[in-house]
Amino acid sequence: GEIFVTYPKLMDILYALDLPEAACMAILR
């Protein structure tokens, strides 16, 4: 949490992890 991740990089990370939708929604909530 030392730096803010840009949206494009966040998407790269989430897709690489095949992150469950629930985890993505938790960040947004």
Full PDB file with SEQRES, HELIX, SHEET, SSBOND, CRYST1, ORIGX, SCALE, CONECT and MASTER records, all heavy atoms in Angstrom:
SEQRES   1 A   29  GLY GLU ILE PHE VAL THR TYR PRO LYS LEU MET ASP ILE          
SEQRES   2 A   29  LEU TYR ALA LEU ASP LEU PRO GLU ALA ALA CYS MET ALA          
SEQRES   3 A   29  ILE LEU ARG                                                  
HELIX    1 AA1 TYR A    7  LEU A   17  1                                  11    
HELIX    2 AA2 GLU A   21  LEU A   28  1                                   8    
CRYST1    1.000    1.000    1.000  90.00  90.00  90.00 P 1           1          
ORIGX1      1.000000  0.000000  0.000000        0.00000                         
ORIGX2      0.000000  1.000000  0.000000        0.00000                         
ORIGX3      0.000000  0.000000  1.000000        0.00000                         
SCALE1      1.000000  0.000000  0.000000        0.00000                         
SCALE2      0.000000  1.000000  0.000000        0.00000                         
SCALE3      0.000000  0.000000  1.000000        0.00000                         
ATOM      1  N   GLY A   1       0.801  -1.217   0.000  1.00  0.00           N  
ATOM      2  CA  GLY A   1       0.000   0.000   0.000  1.00  0.00           C  
ATOM      3  C   GLY A   1       0.829   1.259   0.000  1.00  0.00           C  
ATOM      4  O   GLY A   1       0.353   2.330   0.372  1.00  0.00           O  
ATOM      5  N   GLU A   2       2.075   1.161  -0.444  1.00  0.00           N  
ATOM      6  CA  GLU A   2       2.976   2.315  -0.442  1.00  0.00           C  
ATOM      7  C   GLU A   2       2.784   3.217  -1.648  1.00  0.00           C  
ATOM      8  O   GLU A   2       3.149   4.389  -1.602  1.00  0.00           O  
ATOM      9  CB  GLU A   2       4.435   1.840  -0.406  1.00  0.00           C  
ATOM     10  CG  GLU A   2       4.807   1.143   0.883  1.00  0.00           C  
ATOM     11  CD  GLU A   2       6.205   0.576   0.842  1.00  0.00           C  
ATOM     12  OE1 GLU A   2       6.903   0.710  -0.180  1.00  0.00           O  
ATOM     13  OE2 GLU A   2       6.613  -0.024   1.857  1.00  0.00           O  
ATOM     14  N   ILE A   3       2.258   2.654  -2.726  1.00  0.00           N  
ATOM     15  CA  ILE A   3       2.025   3.447  -3.934  1.00  0.00           C  
ATOM     16  C   ILE A   3       0.632   3.144  -4.465  1.00  0.00           C  
ATOM     17  O   ILE A   3       0.065   2.090  -4.200  1.00  0.00           O  
ATOM     18  CB  ILE A   3       3.083   3.183  -5.045  1.00  0.00           C  
ATOM     19  CG1 ILE A   3       3.098   1.720  -5.458  1.00  0.00           C  
ATOM     20  CG2 ILE A   3       4.450   3.653  -4.610  1.00  0.00           C  
ATOM     21  CD1 ILE A   3       3.993   1.438  -6.664  1.00  0.00           C  
ATOM     22  N   PHE A   4       0.112   4.097  -5.204  1.00  0.00           N  
ATOM     23  CA  PHE A   4      -1.193   3.921  -5.828  1.00  0.00           C  
ATOM     24  C   PHE A   4      -0.990   3.243  -7.173  1.00  0.00           C  
ATOM     25  O   PHE A   4      -0.146   3.655  -7.962  1.00  0.00           O  
ATOM     26  CB  PHE A   4      -1.885   5.269  -6.035  1.00  0.00           C  
ATOM     27  CG  PHE A   4      -2.057   6.047  -4.764  1.00  0.00           C  
ATOM     28  CD1 PHE A   4      -1.385   7.233  -4.574  1.00  0.00           C  
ATOM     29  CD2 PHE A   4      -2.871   5.573  -3.756  1.00  0.00           C  
ATOM     30  CE1 PHE A   4      -1.528   7.950  -3.401  1.00  0.00           C  
ATOM     31  CE2 PHE A   4      -3.018   6.274  -2.582  1.00  0.00           C  
ATOM     32  CZ  PHE A   4      -2.352   7.468  -2.401  1.00  0.00           C  
ATOM     33  N   VAL A   5      -1.746   2.219  -7.413  1.00  0.00           N  
ATOM     34  CA  VAL A   5      -1.647   1.503  -8.676  1.00  0.00           C  
ATOM     35  C   VAL A   5      -2.591   2.164  -9.685  1.00  0.00           C  
ATOM     36  O   VAL A   5      -3.704   2.536  -9.334  1.00  0.00           O  
ATOM     37  CB  VAL A   5      -1.954   0.002  -8.489  1.00  0.00           C  
ATOM     38  CG1 VAL A   5      -3.340  -0.242  -7.986  1.00  0.00           C  
ATOM     39  CG2 VAL A   5      -1.697  -0.780  -9.750  1.00  0.00           C  
ATOM     40  N   THR A   6      -2.115   2.338 -10.909  1.00  0.00           N  
ATOM     41  CA  THR A   6      -2.979   2.923 -11.934  1.00  0.00           C  
ATOM     42  C   THR A   6      -4.022   1.893 -12.345  1.00  0.00           C  
ATOM     43  O   THR A   6      -3.837   0.681 -12.178  1.00  0.00           O  
ATOM     44  CB  THR A   6      -2.174   3.340 -13.176  1.00  0.00           C  
ATOM     45  OG1 THR A   6      -1.607   2.168 -13.771  1.00  0.00           O  
ATOM     46  CG2 THR A   6      -1.088   4.352 -12.823  1.00  0.00           C  
ATOM     47  N   TYR A   7      -5.106   2.391 -12.901  1.00  0.00           N  
ATOM     48  CA  TYR A   7      -6.177   1.486 -13.342  1.00  0.00           C  
ATOM     49  C   TYR A   7      -5.668   0.447 -14.347  1.00  0.00           C  
ATOM     50  O   TYR A   7      -5.940  -0.744 -14.169  1.00  0.00           O  
ATOM     51  CB  TYR A   7      -7.343   2.293 -13.919  1.00  0.00           C  
ATOM     52  CG  TYR A   7      -8.480   1.417 -14.364  1.00  0.00           C  
ATOM     53  CD1 TYR A   7      -9.365   0.858 -13.446  1.00  0.00           C  
ATOM     54  CD2 TYR A   7      -8.657   1.113 -15.715  1.00  0.00           C  
ATOM     55  CE1 TYR A   7     -10.392   0.028 -13.848  1.00  0.00           C  
ATOM     56  CE2 TYR A   7      -9.680   0.294 -16.131  1.00  0.00           C  
ATOM     57  CZ  TYR A   7     -10.548  -0.249 -15.196  1.00  0.00           C  
ATOM     58  OH  TYR A   7     -11.542  -1.071 -15.601  1.00  0.00           O  
ATOM     59  N   PRO A   8      -4.914   0.844 -15.390  1.00  0.00           N  
ATOM     60  CA  PRO A   8      -4.438  -0.174 -16.335  1.00  0.00           C  
ATOM     61  C   PRO A   8      -3.568  -1.246 -15.665  1.00  0.00           C  
ATOM     62  O   PRO A   8      -3.699  -2.435 -15.960  1.00  0.00           O  
ATOM     63  CB  PRO A   8      -3.635   0.621 -17.368  1.00  0.00           C  
ATOM     64  CG  PRO A   8      -4.201   1.991 -17.307  1.00  0.00           C  
ATOM     65  CD  PRO A   8      -4.565   2.203 -15.864  1.00  0.00           C  
ATOM     66  N   LYS A   9      -2.693  -0.830 -14.745  1.00  0.00           N  
ATOM     67  CA  LYS A   9      -1.849  -1.808 -14.058  1.00  0.00           C  
ATOM     68  C   LYS A   9      -2.677  -2.685 -13.121  1.00  0.00           C  
ATOM     69  O   LYS A   9      -2.426  -3.882 -12.986  1.00  0.00           O  
ATOM     70  CB  LYS A   9      -0.727  -1.110 -13.267  1.00  0.00           C  
ATOM     71  CG  LYS A   9       0.461  -0.803 -14.104  1.00  0.00           C  
ATOM     72  CD  LYS A   9       1.073  -2.114 -14.588  1.00  0.00           C  
ATOM     73  CE  LYS A   9       1.841  -1.885 -15.864  1.00  0.00           C  
ATOM     74  NZ  LYS A   9       2.120  -3.106 -16.605  1.00  0.00           N  
ATOM     75  N   LEU A  10      -3.670  -2.089 -12.469  1.00  0.00           N  
ATOM     76  CA  LEU A  10      -4.545  -2.876 -11.614  1.00  0.00           C  
ATOM     77  C   LEU A  10      -5.242  -3.953 -12.424  1.00  0.00           C  
ATOM     78  O   LEU A  10      -5.317  -5.107 -12.010  1.00  0.00           O  
ATOM     79  CB  LEU A  10      -5.575  -1.976 -10.912  1.00  0.00           C  
ATOM     80  CG  LEU A  10      -6.588  -2.688 -10.018  1.00  0.00           C  
ATOM     81  CD1 LEU A  10      -5.899  -3.435  -8.882  1.00  0.00           C  
ATOM     82  CD2 LEU A  10      -7.592  -1.688  -9.472  1.00  0.00           C  
ATOM     83  N   MET A  11      -5.719  -3.588 -13.605  1.00  0.00           N  
ATOM     84  CA  MET A  11      -6.376  -4.570 -14.469  1.00  0.00           C  
ATOM     85  C   MET A  11      -5.396  -5.665 -14.883  1.00  0.00           C  
ATOM     86  O   MET A  11      -5.754  -6.847 -14.900  1.00  0.00           O  
ATOM     87  CB  MET A  11      -6.978  -3.903 -15.705  1.00  0.00           C  
ATOM     88  CG  MET A  11      -8.166  -2.996 -15.417  1.00  0.00           C  
ATOM     89  SD  MET A  11      -9.580  -3.883 -14.699  1.00  0.00           S  
ATOM     90  CE  MET A  11      -9.389  -3.513 -12.965  1.00  0.00           C  
ATOM     91  N   ASP A  12      -4.148  -5.301 -15.191  1.00  0.00           N  
ATOM     92  CA  ASP A  12      -3.139  -6.307 -15.533  1.00  0.00           C  
ATOM     93  C   ASP A  12      -2.954  -7.298 -14.389  1.00  0.00           C  
ATOM     94  O   ASP A  12      -2.872  -8.516 -14.604  1.00  0.00           O  
ATOM     95  CB  ASP A  12      -1.789  -5.646 -15.839  1.00  0.00           C  
ATOM     96  CG  ASP A  12      -1.776  -4.871 -17.147  1.00  0.00           C  
ATOM     97  OD1 ASP A  12      -2.696  -5.051 -17.974  1.00  0.00           O  
ATOM     98  OD2 ASP A  12      -0.833  -4.064 -17.332  1.00  0.00           O  
ATOM     99  N   ILE A  13      -2.886  -6.774 -13.173  1.00  0.00           N  
ATOM    100  CA  ILE A  13      -2.701  -7.628 -11.989  1.00  0.00           C  
ATOM    101  C   ILE A  13      -3.915  -8.518 -11.777  1.00  0.00           C  
ATOM    102  O   ILE A  13      -3.792  -9.730 -11.569  1.00  0.00           O  
ATOM    103  CB  ILE A  13      -2.419  -6.776 -10.733  1.00  0.00           C  
ATOM    104  CG1 ILE A  13      -1.074  -6.057 -10.861  1.00  0.00           C  
ATOM    105  CG2 ILE A  13      -2.463  -7.630  -9.473  1.00  0.00           C  
ATOM    106  CD1 ILE A  13      -0.866  -4.952  -9.832  1.00  0.00           C  
ATOM    107  N   LEU A  14      -5.106  -7.930 -11.836  1.00  0.00           N  
ATOM    108  CA  LEU A  14      -6.326  -8.704 -11.589  1.00  0.00           C  
ATOM    109  C   LEU A  14      -6.514  -9.798 -12.625  1.00  0.00           C  
ATOM    110  O   LEU A  14      -6.898 -10.921 -12.289  1.00  0.00           O  
ATOM    111  CB  LEU A  14      -7.543  -7.775 -11.554  1.00  0.00           C  
ATOM    112  CG  LEU A  14      -7.527  -6.695 -10.460  1.00  0.00           C  
ATOM    113  CD1 LEU A  14      -8.809  -5.867 -10.511  1.00  0.00           C  
ATOM    114  CD2 LEU A  14      -7.324  -7.299  -9.086  1.00  0.00           C  
ATOM    115  N   TYR A  15      -6.241  -9.491 -13.886  1.00  0.00           N  
ATOM    116  CA  TYR A  15      -6.355 -10.513 -14.926  1.00  0.00           C  
ATOM    117  C   TYR A  15      -5.299 -11.594 -14.756  1.00  0.00           C  
ATOM    118  O   TYR A  15      -5.579 -12.778 -14.957  1.00  0.00           O  
ATOM    119  CB  TYR A  15      -6.289  -9.902 -16.321  1.00  0.00           C  
ATOM    120  CG  TYR A  15      -7.600  -9.322 -16.772  1.00  0.00           C  
ATOM    121  CD1 TYR A  15      -7.803  -7.950 -16.808  1.00  0.00           C  
ATOM    122  CD2 TYR A  15      -8.654 -10.152 -17.144  1.00  0.00           C  
ATOM    123  CE1 TYR A  15      -9.017  -7.414 -17.213  1.00  0.00           C  
ATOM    124  CE2 TYR A  15      -9.878  -9.630 -17.549  1.00  0.00           C  
ATOM    125  CZ  TYR A  15     -10.050  -8.259 -17.583  1.00  0.00           C  
ATOM    126  OH  TYR A  15     -11.241  -7.741 -17.969  1.00  0.00           O  
ATOM    127  N   ALA A  16      -4.093 -11.218 -14.378  1.00  0.00           N  
ATOM    128  CA  ALA A  16      -3.034 -12.208 -14.154  1.00  0.00           C  
ATOM    129  C   ALA A  16      -3.430 -13.169 -13.031  1.00  0.00           C  
ATOM    130  O   ALA A  16      -3.187 -14.370 -13.121  1.00  0.00           O  
ATOM    131  CB  ALA A  16      -1.714 -11.516 -13.820  1.00  0.00           C  
ATOM    132  N   LEU A  17      -4.061 -12.628 -12.006  1.00  0.00           N  
ATOM    133  CA  LEU A  17      -4.485 -13.454 -10.870  1.00  0.00           C  
ATOM    134  C   LEU A  17      -5.773 -14.212 -11.147  1.00  0.00           C  
ATOM    135  O   LEU A  17      -6.142 -15.094 -10.377  1.00  0.00           O  
ATOM    136  CB  LEU A  17      -4.717 -12.576  -9.638  1.00  0.00           C  
ATOM    137  CG  LEU A  17      -3.492 -11.983  -8.962  1.00  0.00           C  
ATOM    138  CD1 LEU A  17      -3.909 -10.951  -7.927  1.00  0.00           C  
ATOM    139  CD2 LEU A  17      -2.655 -13.084  -8.322  1.00  0.00           C  
ATOM    140  N   ASP A  18      -6.463 -13.847 -12.229  1.00  0.00           N  
ATOM    141  CA  ASP A  18      -7.800 -14.384 -12.506  1.00  0.00           C  
ATOM    142  C   ASP A  18      -8.662 -14.184 -11.262  1.00  0.00           C  
ATOM    143  O   ASP A  18      -9.313 -15.092 -10.760  1.00  0.00           O  
ATOM    144  CB  ASP A  18      -7.747 -15.854 -12.902  1.00  0.00           C  
ATOM    145  CG  ASP A  18      -9.050 -16.333 -13.525  1.00  0.00           C  
ATOM    146  OD1 ASP A  18      -9.820 -15.498 -14.043  1.00  0.00           O  
ATOM    147  OD2 ASP A  18      -9.306 -17.559 -13.480  1.00  0.00           O  
ATOM    148  N   LEU A  19      -8.595 -12.946 -10.743  1.00  0.00           N  
ATOM    149  CA  LEU A  19      -9.220 -12.607  -9.472  1.00  0.00           C  
ATOM    150  C   LEU A  19     -10.731 -12.793  -9.525  1.00  0.00           C  
ATOM    151  O   LEU A  19     -11.383 -12.342 -10.478  1.00  0.00           O  
ATOM    152  CB  LEU A  19      -8.891 -11.151  -9.120  1.00  0.00           C  
ATOM    153  CG  LEU A  19      -9.113 -10.744  -7.678  1.00  0.00           C  
ATOM    154  CD1 LEU A  19      -8.205 -11.536  -6.744  1.00  0.00           C  
ATOM    155  CD2 LEU A  19      -8.845  -9.277  -7.506  1.00  0.00           C  
ATOM    156  N   PRO A  20     -11.282 -13.440  -8.521  1.00  0.00           N  
ATOM    157  CA  PRO A  20     -12.730 -13.620  -8.484  1.00  0.00           C  
ATOM    158  C   PRO A  20     -13.449 -12.273  -8.464  1.00  0.00           C  
ATOM    159  O   PRO A  20     -12.968 -11.307  -7.880  1.00  0.00           O  
ATOM    160  CB  PRO A  20     -12.974 -14.367  -7.172  1.00  0.00           C  
ATOM    161  CG  PRO A  20     -11.663 -14.916  -6.760  1.00  0.00           C  
ATOM    162  CD  PRO A  20     -10.619 -14.035  -7.367  1.00  0.00           C  
ATOM    163  N   GLU A  21     -14.596 -12.236  -9.095  1.00  0.00           N  
ATOM    164  CA  GLU A  21     -15.383 -11.007  -9.160  1.00  0.00           C  
ATOM    165  C   GLU A  21     -15.677 -10.468  -7.760  1.00  0.00           C  
ATOM    166  O   GLU A  21     -15.673  -9.262  -7.539  1.00  0.00           O  
ATOM    167  CB  GLU A  21     -16.685 -11.272  -9.906  1.00  0.00           C  
ATOM    168  CG  GLU A  21     -17.507 -10.045 -10.151  1.00  0.00           C  
ATOM    169  CD  GLU A  21     -18.751 -10.351 -10.963  1.00  0.00           C  
ATOM    170  OE1 GLU A  21     -18.644 -11.024 -11.985  1.00  0.00           O  
ATOM    171  OE2 GLU A  21     -19.822  -9.892 -10.537  1.00  0.00           O  
ATOM    172  N   ALA A  22     -15.910 -11.349  -6.812  1.00  0.00           N  
ATOM    173  CA  ALA A  22     -16.229 -10.913  -5.449  1.00  0.00           C  
ATOM    174  C   ALA A  22     -15.082 -10.103  -4.846  1.00  0.00           C  
ATOM    175  O   ALA A  22     -15.321  -9.113  -4.144  1.00  0.00           O  
ATOM    176  CB  ALA A  22     -16.529 -12.125  -4.568  1.00  0.00           C  
ATOM    177  N   ALA A  23     -13.846 -10.482  -5.121  1.00  0.00           N  
ATOM    178  CA  ALA A  23     -12.705  -9.738  -4.583  1.00  0.00           C  
ATOM    179  C   ALA A  23     -12.613  -8.358  -5.226  1.00  0.00           C  
ATOM    180  O   ALA A  23     -12.324  -7.375  -4.555  1.00  0.00           O  
ATOM    181  CB  ALA A  23     -11.413 -10.525  -4.801  1.00  0.00           C  
ATOM    182  N   CYS A  24     -12.875  -8.288  -6.517  1.00  0.00           N  
ATOM    183  CA  CYS A  24     -12.868  -6.990  -7.207  1.00  0.00           C  
ATOM    184  C   CYS A  24     -13.965  -6.090  -6.640  1.00  0.00           C  
ATOM    185  O   CYS A  24     -13.750  -4.908  -6.395  1.00  0.00           O  
ATOM    186  CB  CYS A  24     -13.082  -7.169  -8.705  1.00  0.00           C  
ATOM    187  SG  CYS A  24     -11.783  -8.092  -9.534  1.00  0.00           S  
ATOM    188  N   MET A  25     -15.133  -6.657  -6.436  1.00  0.00           N  
ATOM    189  CA  MET A  25     -16.251  -5.878  -5.906  1.00  0.00           C  
ATOM    190  C   MET A  25     -15.971  -5.422  -4.483  1.00  0.00           C  
ATOM    191  O   MET A  25     -16.402  -4.338  -4.091  1.00  0.00           O  
ATOM    192  CB  MET A  25     -17.551  -6.688  -5.965  1.00  0.00           C  
ATOM    193  CG  MET A  25     -18.041  -6.936  -7.385  1.00  0.00           C  
ATOM    194  SD  MET A  25     -18.222  -5.426  -8.368  1.00  0.00           S  
ATOM    195  CE  MET A  25     -19.460  -4.555  -7.450  1.00  0.00           C  
ATOM    196  N   ALA A  26     -15.254  -6.202  -3.708  1.00  0.00           N  
ATOM    197  CA  ALA A  26     -14.913  -5.803  -2.339  1.00  0.00           C  
ATOM    198  C   ALA A  26     -14.063  -4.534  -2.349  1.00  0.00           C  
ATOM    199  O   ALA A  26     -14.256  -3.648  -1.516  1.00  0.00           O  
ATOM    200  CB  ALA A  26     -14.188  -6.933  -1.616  1.00  0.00           C  
ATOM    201  N   ILE A  27     -13.146  -4.439  -3.308  1.00  0.00           N  
ATOM    202  CA  ILE A  27     -12.320  -3.232  -3.422  1.00  0.00           C  
ATOM    203  C   ILE A  27     -13.210  -2.036  -3.744  1.00  0.00           C  
ATOM    204  O   ILE A  27     -13.100  -0.972  -3.129  1.00  0.00           O  
ATOM    205  CB  ILE A  27     -11.230  -3.405  -4.494  1.00  0.00           C  
ATOM    206  CG1 ILE A  27     -10.210  -4.457  -4.048  1.00  0.00           C  
ATOM    207  CG2 ILE A  27     -10.531  -2.075  -4.788  1.00  0.00           C  
ATOM    208  CD1 ILE A  27      -9.239  -4.885  -5.133  1.00  0.00           C  
ATOM    209  N   LEU A  28     -14.125  -2.198  -4.687  1.00  0.00           N  
ATOM    210  CA  LEU A  28     -15.017  -1.102  -5.061  1.00  0.00           C  
ATOM    211  C   LEU A  28     -15.953  -0.712  -3.919  1.00  0.00           C  
ATOM    212  O   LEU A  28     -16.193   0.468  -3.679  1.00  0.00           O  
ATOM    213  CB  LEU A  28     -15.841  -1.489  -6.296  1.00  0.00           C  
ATOM    214  CG  LEU A  28     -15.038  -1.666  -7.579  1.00  0.00           C  
ATOM    215  CD1 LEU A  28     -15.945  -2.194  -8.686  1.00  0.00           C  
ATOM    216  CD2 LEU A  28     -14.377  -0.371  -7.994  1.00  0.00           C  
ATOM    217  N   ARG A  29     -16.473  -1.699  -3.186  1.00  0.00           N  
ATOM    218  CA  ARG A  29     -17.354  -1.395  -2.039  1.00  0.00           C  
ATOM    219  C   ARG A  29     -16.591  -0.639  -0.962  1.00  0.00           C  
ATOM    220  O   ARG A  29     -17.123   0.279  -0.344  1.00  0.00           O  
ATOM    221  CB  ARG A  29     -17.960  -2.678  -1.482  1.00  0.00           C  
ATOM    222  CG  ARG A  29     -19.175  -3.163  -2.251  1.00  0.00           C  
ATOM    223  CD  ARG A  29     -19.939  -4.246  -1.494  1.00  0.00           C  
ATOM    224  NE  ARG A  29     -19.114  -5.391  -1.156  1.00  0.00           N  
ATOM    225  CZ  ARG A  29     -18.861  -6.415  -1.968  1.00  0.00           C  
ATOM    226  NH1 ARG A  29     -19.370  -6.441  -3.172  1.00  0.00           N  
ATOM    227  NH2 ARG A  29     -18.107  -7.418  -1.580  1.00  0.00           N  
TER     228      ARG A  29                                                      
MASTER        0    0    0    2    0    0    0    6  227    1    0    3          
END                                                                             
